[in-house]
N, C-alpha and C. Protein backbone atom coordinates (compact mmCIF):
# COMPACT_ATOMS: atom_id res chain seq x y z
N MET A 1 5.04 7.62 -29.25
CA MET A 1 5.34 7.50 -27.83
C MET A 1 4.06 7.20 -27.06
N THR A 2 4.15 6.23 -26.16
CA THR A 2 2.98 5.85 -25.37
C THR A 2 2.79 6.78 -24.18
N ASN A 3 1.58 6.91 -23.77
CA ASN A 3 1.26 7.73 -22.61
C ASN A 3 0.99 6.90 -21.36
N LEU A 4 1.25 5.59 -21.45
CA LEU A 4 1.01 4.70 -20.31
C LEU A 4 2.34 4.28 -19.68
N ARG A 5 2.33 4.16 -18.37
CA ARG A 5 3.50 3.69 -17.63
C ARG A 5 3.04 2.72 -16.53
N ILE A 6 3.89 1.73 -16.29
CA ILE A 6 3.63 0.75 -15.23
C ILE A 6 4.60 1.02 -14.09
N GLY A 7 4.11 0.88 -12.87
CA GLY A 7 4.97 0.99 -11.70
C GLY A 7 4.77 -0.21 -10.80
N HIS A 8 5.87 -0.65 -10.18
CA HIS A 8 5.82 -1.77 -9.24
C HIS A 8 6.29 -1.29 -7.87
N GLY A 9 5.61 -1.71 -6.83
CA GLY A 9 6.01 -1.39 -5.47
C GLY A 9 6.03 -2.64 -4.63
N PHE A 10 6.94 -2.65 -3.66
CA PHE A 10 7.06 -3.78 -2.73
C PHE A 10 7.37 -3.21 -1.36
N ASP A 11 6.70 -3.71 -0.34
CA ASP A 11 6.99 -3.27 1.01
C ASP A 11 6.80 -4.43 1.97
N VAL A 12 7.52 -4.36 3.08
CA VAL A 12 7.49 -5.37 4.13
C VAL A 12 7.50 -4.64 5.47
N HIS A 13 6.72 -5.14 6.40
CA HIS A 13 6.80 -4.66 7.78
C HIS A 13 6.78 -5.86 8.72
N ALA A 14 7.58 -5.77 9.77
CA ALA A 14 7.56 -6.78 10.82
C ALA A 14 6.27 -6.62 11.62
N LEU A 15 5.84 -7.72 12.21
CA LEU A 15 4.67 -7.70 13.09
C LEU A 15 5.13 -7.78 14.54
N ALA A 16 4.40 -7.11 15.43
CA ALA A 16 4.69 -7.16 16.85
C ALA A 16 3.38 -7.16 17.63
N ASP A 17 3.40 -7.79 18.79
CA ASP A 17 2.22 -7.85 19.66
C ASP A 17 1.80 -6.46 20.12
N GLY A 18 0.48 -6.30 20.26
CA GLY A 18 -0.06 -5.11 20.87
C GLY A 18 -0.17 -3.88 19.99
N LEU A 19 0.17 -4.00 18.71
CA LEU A 19 0.05 -2.87 17.79
C LEU A 19 -1.21 -3.01 16.95
N ASN A 20 -1.74 -1.88 16.49
CA ASN A 20 -2.90 -1.86 15.61
C ASN A 20 -2.49 -2.34 14.21
N LEU A 21 -3.27 -3.22 13.61
CA LEU A 21 -3.01 -3.68 12.25
C LEU A 21 -3.91 -2.91 11.30
N ARG A 22 -3.28 -2.13 10.44
CA ARG A 22 -4.01 -1.33 9.44
C ARG A 22 -3.50 -1.75 8.07
N LEU A 23 -4.41 -2.19 7.22
CA LEU A 23 -4.07 -2.64 5.87
C LEU A 23 -5.09 -2.08 4.89
N GLY A 24 -4.60 -1.51 3.81
CA GLY A 24 -5.49 -0.98 2.78
C GLY A 24 -6.38 0.14 3.30
N GLY A 25 -5.91 0.85 4.33
CA GLY A 25 -6.65 1.98 4.86
C GLY A 25 -7.69 1.64 5.91
N ILE A 26 -7.79 0.37 6.29
CA ILE A 26 -8.78 -0.02 7.31
C ILE A 26 -8.10 -0.79 8.44
N ASP A 27 -8.72 -0.73 9.60
CA ASP A 27 -8.22 -1.47 10.76
C ASP A 27 -8.70 -2.92 10.66
N ILE A 28 -7.76 -3.83 10.91
CA ILE A 28 -8.03 -5.26 10.85
C ILE A 28 -7.89 -5.83 12.27
N PRO A 29 -8.91 -6.49 12.80
CA PRO A 29 -8.77 -7.09 14.13
C PRO A 29 -7.68 -8.18 14.13
N HIS A 30 -6.69 -8.02 15.01
CA HIS A 30 -5.61 -8.99 15.12
C HIS A 30 -4.82 -8.68 16.39
N THR A 31 -4.09 -9.64 16.87
CA THR A 31 -3.29 -9.46 18.09
C THR A 31 -1.97 -8.77 17.81
N LYS A 32 -1.60 -8.68 16.54
CA LYS A 32 -0.33 -8.05 16.16
C LYS A 32 -0.58 -6.94 15.16
N GLY A 33 0.38 -6.03 15.07
CA GLY A 33 0.32 -4.96 14.08
C GLY A 33 1.69 -4.73 13.49
N CYS A 34 1.76 -3.90 12.47
CA CYS A 34 3.02 -3.63 11.78
C CYS A 34 3.86 -2.60 12.53
N VAL A 35 5.13 -2.93 12.67
CA VAL A 35 6.10 -2.02 13.28
C VAL A 35 6.51 -1.01 12.21
N ALA A 36 6.34 0.29 12.51
CA ALA A 36 6.64 1.31 11.51
C ALA A 36 6.68 2.70 12.14
N HIS A 37 7.26 3.63 11.42
CA HIS A 37 7.28 5.03 11.82
C HIS A 37 5.89 5.65 11.64
N SER A 38 5.21 5.26 10.55
CA SER A 38 3.86 5.74 10.25
C SER A 38 2.87 4.76 10.90
N ASP A 39 1.68 4.65 10.33
CA ASP A 39 0.70 3.68 10.83
C ASP A 39 1.01 2.26 10.37
N GLY A 40 2.05 2.09 9.54
CA GLY A 40 2.49 0.76 9.13
C GLY A 40 1.64 0.09 8.08
N ASP A 41 0.85 0.84 7.34
CA ASP A 41 -0.03 0.25 6.33
C ASP A 41 0.80 -0.19 5.12
N VAL A 42 1.28 -1.41 5.19
CA VAL A 42 2.18 -1.97 4.19
C VAL A 42 1.53 -2.02 2.80
N VAL A 43 0.21 -2.15 2.74
CA VAL A 43 -0.50 -2.18 1.46
C VAL A 43 -0.39 -0.81 0.77
N LEU A 44 -0.73 0.23 1.51
CA LEU A 44 -0.68 1.57 0.92
C LEU A 44 0.75 2.00 0.62
N HIS A 45 1.70 1.56 1.43
CA HIS A 45 3.10 1.90 1.16
C HIS A 45 3.57 1.29 -0.17
N ALA A 46 3.20 0.05 -0.41
CA ALA A 46 3.58 -0.59 -1.68
C ALA A 46 2.90 0.09 -2.86
N ILE A 47 1.64 0.48 -2.69
CA ILE A 47 0.93 1.19 -3.76
C ILE A 47 1.58 2.54 -4.03
N CYS A 48 1.92 3.27 -2.98
CA CYS A 48 2.60 4.57 -3.15
C CYS A 48 3.92 4.39 -3.90
N ASP A 49 4.69 3.38 -3.51
CA ASP A 49 5.96 3.13 -4.21
C ASP A 49 5.74 2.81 -5.68
N ALA A 50 4.69 2.05 -5.98
CA ALA A 50 4.39 1.71 -7.37
C ALA A 50 4.02 2.98 -8.15
N MET A 51 3.23 3.85 -7.54
CA MET A 51 2.83 5.09 -8.21
C MET A 51 4.04 5.98 -8.49
N LEU A 52 4.87 6.16 -7.49
CA LEU A 52 6.06 7.00 -7.65
C LEU A 52 7.03 6.39 -8.65
N GLY A 53 7.17 5.08 -8.62
CA GLY A 53 8.06 4.39 -9.56
C GLY A 53 7.60 4.51 -11.00
N ALA A 54 6.30 4.50 -11.20
CA ALA A 54 5.76 4.59 -12.57
C ALA A 54 6.17 5.88 -13.25
N VAL A 55 6.36 6.94 -12.47
CA VAL A 55 6.71 8.24 -13.04
C VAL A 55 8.15 8.65 -12.69
N ALA A 56 8.94 7.66 -12.27
CA ALA A 56 10.37 7.85 -11.96
C ALA A 56 10.60 8.97 -10.94
N MET A 57 9.77 8.97 -9.87
CA MET A 57 9.90 9.97 -8.82
C MET A 57 10.41 9.40 -7.51
N GLY A 58 11.14 8.28 -7.59
CA GLY A 58 11.71 7.71 -6.37
C GLY A 58 10.73 6.84 -5.63
N ASP A 59 10.79 6.94 -4.28
CA ASP A 59 9.94 6.10 -3.44
C ASP A 59 9.42 6.90 -2.26
N ILE A 60 8.58 6.27 -1.45
CA ILE A 60 7.96 7.01 -0.35
C ILE A 60 8.99 7.43 0.69
N GLY A 61 10.08 6.69 0.82
CA GLY A 61 11.12 7.08 1.76
C GLY A 61 11.75 8.42 1.41
N GLN A 62 11.81 8.74 0.14
CA GLN A 62 12.34 10.03 -0.30
C GLN A 62 11.35 11.16 -0.04
N HIS A 63 10.08 10.90 -0.27
CA HIS A 63 9.05 11.92 -0.14
C HIS A 63 8.53 12.07 1.28
N PHE A 64 8.52 10.97 2.04
CA PHE A 64 7.98 10.95 3.39
C PHE A 64 8.94 10.20 4.31
N PRO A 65 10.11 10.76 4.60
CA PRO A 65 11.16 10.03 5.32
C PRO A 65 10.76 9.64 6.75
N ASP A 66 11.21 8.44 7.15
CA ASP A 66 10.89 7.97 8.50
C ASP A 66 11.75 8.64 9.57
N THR A 67 12.57 9.58 9.15
CA THR A 67 13.36 10.37 10.09
C THR A 67 12.66 11.69 10.43
N SER A 68 11.52 11.93 9.79
CA SER A 68 10.80 13.19 9.98
C SER A 68 9.67 13.03 11.00
N ALA A 69 9.65 13.92 11.98
CA ALA A 69 8.57 13.91 12.98
C ALA A 69 7.21 14.16 12.33
N GLU A 70 7.20 14.85 11.20
CA GLU A 70 5.95 15.14 10.49
C GLU A 70 5.18 13.88 10.14
N PHE A 71 5.90 12.78 9.89
CA PHE A 71 5.26 11.55 9.44
C PHE A 71 5.13 10.50 10.53
N LYS A 72 5.51 10.83 11.76
CA LYS A 72 5.40 9.90 12.88
C LYS A 72 3.93 9.57 13.12
N GLY A 73 3.58 8.29 12.97
CA GLY A 73 2.22 7.83 13.21
C GLY A 73 1.19 8.27 12.18
N ILE A 74 1.64 8.86 11.06
CA ILE A 74 0.70 9.39 10.07
C ILE A 74 -0.18 8.29 9.46
N ASP A 75 -1.41 8.64 9.20
CA ASP A 75 -2.36 7.77 8.50
C ASP A 75 -1.88 7.66 7.05
N SER A 76 -1.60 6.45 6.61
CA SER A 76 -1.04 6.26 5.27
C SER A 76 -2.00 6.61 4.15
N THR A 77 -3.30 6.77 4.45
CA THR A 77 -4.20 7.26 3.40
C THR A 77 -3.82 8.69 3.01
N ILE A 78 -3.25 9.44 3.94
CA ILE A 78 -2.78 10.79 3.63
C ILE A 78 -1.60 10.71 2.66
N LEU A 79 -0.70 9.75 2.89
CA LEU A 79 0.44 9.57 1.98
C LEU A 79 -0.07 9.16 0.59
N LEU A 80 -1.07 8.29 0.55
CA LEU A 80 -1.65 7.86 -0.72
C LEU A 80 -2.23 9.05 -1.48
N GLU A 81 -3.00 9.89 -0.77
CA GLU A 81 -3.58 11.07 -1.41
C GLU A 81 -2.49 12.03 -1.90
N ARG A 82 -1.43 12.15 -1.15
CA ARG A 82 -0.33 13.02 -1.58
C ARG A 82 0.37 12.47 -2.82
N CYS A 83 0.48 11.15 -2.92
CA CYS A 83 1.08 10.55 -4.12
C CYS A 83 0.19 10.75 -5.33
N VAL A 84 -1.13 10.64 -5.15
CA VAL A 84 -2.07 10.92 -6.26
C VAL A 84 -1.89 12.37 -6.71
N ALA A 85 -1.73 13.28 -5.75
CA ALA A 85 -1.54 14.70 -6.08
C ALA A 85 -0.21 14.92 -6.81
N LEU A 86 0.85 14.22 -6.39
CA LEU A 86 2.14 14.33 -7.07
C LEU A 86 2.03 13.88 -8.52
N LEU A 87 1.30 12.79 -8.75
CA LEU A 87 1.08 12.33 -10.12
C LEU A 87 0.37 13.41 -10.93
N ALA A 88 -0.70 13.95 -10.35
CA ALA A 88 -1.49 14.96 -11.05
C ALA A 88 -0.66 16.20 -11.37
N GLU A 89 0.17 16.63 -10.42
CA GLU A 89 1.04 17.80 -10.63
C GLU A 89 2.00 17.59 -11.79
N ASN A 90 2.31 16.33 -12.08
CA ASN A 90 3.22 16.00 -13.17
C ASN A 90 2.51 15.49 -14.41
N GLY A 91 1.18 15.69 -14.46
CA GLY A 91 0.41 15.37 -15.65
C GLY A 91 -0.01 13.92 -15.79
N TYR A 92 -0.04 13.17 -14.68
CA TYR A 92 -0.41 11.75 -14.73
C TYR A 92 -1.65 11.49 -13.90
N SER A 93 -2.35 10.44 -14.27
CA SER A 93 -3.45 9.95 -13.45
C SER A 93 -3.39 8.43 -13.39
N LEU A 94 -3.94 7.89 -12.34
CA LEU A 94 -4.00 6.43 -12.17
C LEU A 94 -5.02 5.83 -13.12
N VAL A 95 -4.70 4.66 -13.65
CA VAL A 95 -5.65 3.89 -14.45
C VAL A 95 -6.18 2.72 -13.63
N ASN A 96 -5.28 1.98 -12.99
CA ASN A 96 -5.70 0.90 -12.11
C ASN A 96 -4.60 0.52 -11.13
N ILE A 97 -5.00 -0.23 -10.09
CA ILE A 97 -4.10 -0.70 -9.04
C ILE A 97 -4.36 -2.19 -8.84
N ASP A 98 -3.28 -2.95 -8.66
CA ASP A 98 -3.40 -4.37 -8.33
C ASP A 98 -2.39 -4.67 -7.23
N ALA A 99 -2.87 -5.08 -6.05
CA ALA A 99 -2.00 -5.36 -4.91
C ALA A 99 -2.23 -6.77 -4.40
N THR A 100 -1.14 -7.43 -4.01
CA THR A 100 -1.22 -8.77 -3.42
C THR A 100 -0.56 -8.74 -2.05
N ILE A 101 -1.34 -9.07 -1.03
CA ILE A 101 -0.86 -9.10 0.35
C ILE A 101 -0.42 -10.53 0.66
N GLN A 102 0.77 -10.66 1.23
CA GLN A 102 1.27 -11.96 1.70
C GLN A 102 1.23 -11.94 3.22
N ALA A 103 0.30 -12.70 3.80
CA ALA A 103 0.15 -12.75 5.25
C ALA A 103 -0.36 -14.14 5.64
N GLN A 104 0.30 -14.75 6.60
CA GLN A 104 -0.15 -16.05 7.08
C GLN A 104 -1.40 -15.89 7.96
N ALA A 105 -1.42 -14.80 8.71
CA ALA A 105 -2.57 -14.48 9.58
C ALA A 105 -2.60 -12.98 9.76
N PRO A 106 -3.76 -12.41 9.96
CA PRO A 106 -5.08 -13.02 10.04
C PRO A 106 -5.64 -13.31 8.65
N LYS A 107 -6.78 -13.96 8.63
CA LYS A 107 -7.48 -14.19 7.36
C LYS A 107 -8.00 -12.83 6.86
N LEU A 108 -7.67 -12.49 5.63
CA LEU A 108 -7.99 -11.16 5.12
C LEU A 108 -9.19 -11.11 4.17
N MET A 109 -9.64 -12.24 3.70
CA MET A 109 -10.76 -12.27 2.75
C MET A 109 -11.96 -11.43 3.22
N PRO A 110 -12.35 -11.50 4.49
CA PRO A 110 -13.52 -10.70 4.91
C PRO A 110 -13.30 -9.18 4.84
N HIS A 111 -12.04 -8.74 4.67
CA HIS A 111 -11.72 -7.32 4.69
C HIS A 111 -11.34 -6.74 3.32
N ILE A 112 -11.23 -7.62 2.33
CA ILE A 112 -10.76 -7.19 1.00
C ILE A 112 -11.66 -6.13 0.39
N ASP A 113 -12.96 -6.33 0.47
CA ASP A 113 -13.89 -5.39 -0.16
C ASP A 113 -13.78 -4.00 0.48
N ALA A 114 -13.64 -3.94 1.79
CA ALA A 114 -13.50 -2.64 2.48
C ALA A 114 -12.18 -1.97 2.10
N MET A 115 -11.12 -2.76 1.93
CA MET A 115 -9.83 -2.20 1.49
C MET A 115 -9.97 -1.60 0.10
N ARG A 116 -10.59 -2.35 -0.80
CA ARG A 116 -10.78 -1.86 -2.18
C ARG A 116 -11.59 -0.56 -2.17
N GLU A 117 -12.63 -0.52 -1.38
CA GLU A 117 -13.49 0.67 -1.28
C GLU A 117 -12.69 1.87 -0.78
N CYS A 118 -11.89 1.68 0.26
CA CYS A 118 -11.10 2.77 0.82
C CYS A 118 -10.07 3.27 -0.19
N ILE A 119 -9.36 2.36 -0.82
CA ILE A 119 -8.33 2.75 -1.79
C ILE A 119 -8.97 3.47 -2.97
N ALA A 120 -10.09 2.97 -3.44
CA ALA A 120 -10.80 3.63 -4.55
C ALA A 120 -11.19 5.05 -4.16
N GLN A 121 -11.74 5.21 -2.96
CA GLN A 121 -12.18 6.53 -2.50
C GLN A 121 -10.98 7.48 -2.40
N LYS A 122 -9.86 7.03 -1.86
CA LYS A 122 -8.71 7.91 -1.64
C LYS A 122 -7.95 8.23 -2.93
N THR A 123 -8.09 7.39 -3.94
CA THR A 123 -7.38 7.63 -5.20
C THR A 123 -8.28 8.24 -6.28
N GLY A 124 -9.58 8.19 -6.07
CA GLY A 124 -10.52 8.68 -7.08
C GLY A 124 -10.79 7.69 -8.19
N LEU A 125 -10.32 6.46 -8.02
CA LEU A 125 -10.58 5.41 -9.02
C LEU A 125 -11.92 4.74 -8.77
N PRO A 126 -12.55 4.24 -9.83
CA PRO A 126 -13.72 3.38 -9.61
C PRO A 126 -13.26 2.11 -8.89
N LYS A 127 -14.12 1.57 -8.06
CA LYS A 127 -13.76 0.37 -7.29
C LYS A 127 -13.34 -0.79 -8.19
N ASP A 128 -13.92 -0.89 -9.39
CA ASP A 128 -13.56 -2.00 -10.28
C ASP A 128 -12.17 -1.81 -10.92
N CYS A 129 -11.50 -0.72 -10.59
CA CYS A 129 -10.12 -0.50 -11.05
C CYS A 129 -9.12 -0.69 -9.92
N VAL A 130 -9.60 -1.20 -8.77
CA VAL A 130 -8.74 -1.46 -7.62
C VAL A 130 -8.86 -2.93 -7.25
N SER A 131 -7.76 -3.65 -7.37
CA SER A 131 -7.73 -5.06 -7.02
C SER A 131 -6.83 -5.26 -5.80
N VAL A 132 -7.35 -5.95 -4.82
CA VAL A 132 -6.55 -6.35 -3.65
C VAL A 132 -6.78 -7.83 -3.45
N LYS A 133 -5.69 -8.56 -3.35
CA LYS A 133 -5.76 -10.00 -3.14
C LYS A 133 -4.90 -10.35 -1.94
N ALA A 134 -5.18 -11.49 -1.32
CA ALA A 134 -4.38 -11.95 -0.19
C ALA A 134 -4.02 -13.41 -0.38
N THR A 135 -2.82 -13.74 0.06
CA THR A 135 -2.35 -15.12 -0.01
C THR A 135 -1.48 -15.41 1.20
N THR A 136 -1.33 -16.67 1.50
CA THR A 136 -0.37 -17.08 2.53
C THR A 136 0.90 -17.51 1.81
N THR A 137 1.91 -17.85 2.56
CA THR A 137 3.12 -18.40 1.94
C THR A 137 3.28 -19.87 2.35
N GLU A 138 2.15 -20.50 2.66
CA GLU A 138 2.13 -21.91 3.04
C GLU A 138 3.09 -22.20 4.20
N ARG A 139 3.13 -21.26 5.14
CA ARG A 139 3.95 -21.34 6.36
C ARG A 139 5.46 -21.28 6.08
N LEU A 140 5.84 -20.79 4.91
CA LEU A 140 7.25 -20.66 4.56
C LEU A 140 7.75 -19.25 4.81
N GLY A 141 8.99 -19.12 5.22
CA GLY A 141 9.63 -17.82 5.37
C GLY A 141 9.08 -16.99 6.51
N PHE A 142 9.51 -15.70 6.57
CA PHE A 142 9.10 -14.82 7.68
C PHE A 142 7.60 -14.58 7.68
N VAL A 143 6.97 -14.57 6.49
CA VAL A 143 5.52 -14.41 6.43
C VAL A 143 4.85 -15.64 7.01
N GLY A 144 5.32 -16.81 6.60
CA GLY A 144 4.76 -18.06 7.09
C GLY A 144 4.92 -18.26 8.58
N ARG A 145 5.98 -17.71 9.14
CA ARG A 145 6.20 -17.78 10.58
C ARG A 145 5.46 -16.67 11.34
N LYS A 146 4.68 -15.88 10.63
CA LYS A 146 3.88 -14.78 11.18
C LYS A 146 4.75 -13.68 11.80
N GLU A 147 5.93 -13.47 11.23
CA GLU A 147 6.85 -12.44 11.71
C GLU A 147 6.64 -11.11 10.98
N GLY A 148 5.98 -11.16 9.82
CA GLY A 148 5.79 -9.95 9.04
C GLY A 148 4.77 -10.14 7.94
N ILE A 149 4.48 -9.03 7.27
CA ILE A 149 3.57 -9.00 6.13
C ILE A 149 4.29 -8.33 4.97
N ALA A 150 4.13 -8.87 3.78
CA ALA A 150 4.73 -8.31 2.57
C ALA A 150 3.62 -8.02 1.56
N VAL A 151 3.86 -7.00 0.74
CA VAL A 151 2.88 -6.64 -0.29
C VAL A 151 3.60 -6.27 -1.57
N ASP A 152 3.11 -6.79 -2.69
CA ASP A 152 3.52 -6.39 -4.03
C ASP A 152 2.36 -5.59 -4.62
N ALA A 153 2.69 -4.48 -5.28
CA ALA A 153 1.65 -3.68 -5.92
C ALA A 153 2.11 -3.25 -7.30
N VAL A 154 1.17 -3.23 -8.23
CA VAL A 154 1.43 -2.76 -9.58
C VAL A 154 0.35 -1.73 -9.92
N VAL A 155 0.79 -0.64 -10.55
CA VAL A 155 -0.17 0.37 -11.00
C VAL A 155 0.08 0.68 -12.48
N LEU A 156 -0.96 1.14 -13.10
CA LEU A 156 -0.85 1.68 -14.45
C LEU A 156 -1.24 3.15 -14.35
N VAL A 157 -0.41 4.01 -14.94
CA VAL A 157 -0.72 5.45 -14.95
C VAL A 157 -0.72 5.93 -16.38
N GLU A 158 -1.43 7.02 -16.60
CA GLU A 158 -1.54 7.60 -17.95
C GLU A 158 -1.15 9.07 -17.89
N LYS A 159 -0.36 9.50 -18.88
CA LYS A 159 0.03 10.92 -18.99
C LYS A 159 -1.03 11.62 -19.82
N HIS A 160 -1.39 12.81 -19.37
CA HIS A 160 -2.42 13.60 -20.09
C HIS A 160 -1.80 14.74 -20.84
């Protein structure tokens, strides 16, 4: 029996004028931000879902419901840390994270390194085990029309 498990997470948030844009645990200068109950960090939400999925523990909506006042406006790095703790409580640890952000705007390349650093710090992983990439959708779909941001994330976890 193998001690490794893969988890996949996917999240989407609509964009709206006048909101703060937070991705990968850092603030990104932009005229729009993600509409959400929490801080709307779609990157960390997808990573949390991937972590929980890898160990068959559901998703962030089950653990941190958007109907709870406790999570209103919460910093998603706190949710990330709680997911790392849930893994540890069940005998698992993260091996690596790979996330792909789909956003037509803003340009994210200048912020990728800071996102990787933040995620590494909050998960306890070495930075070289955290990959964050960004792509556009060539102006296709809701992402291409700048109506929202989508993120796919994959994690590998190991049972101890």
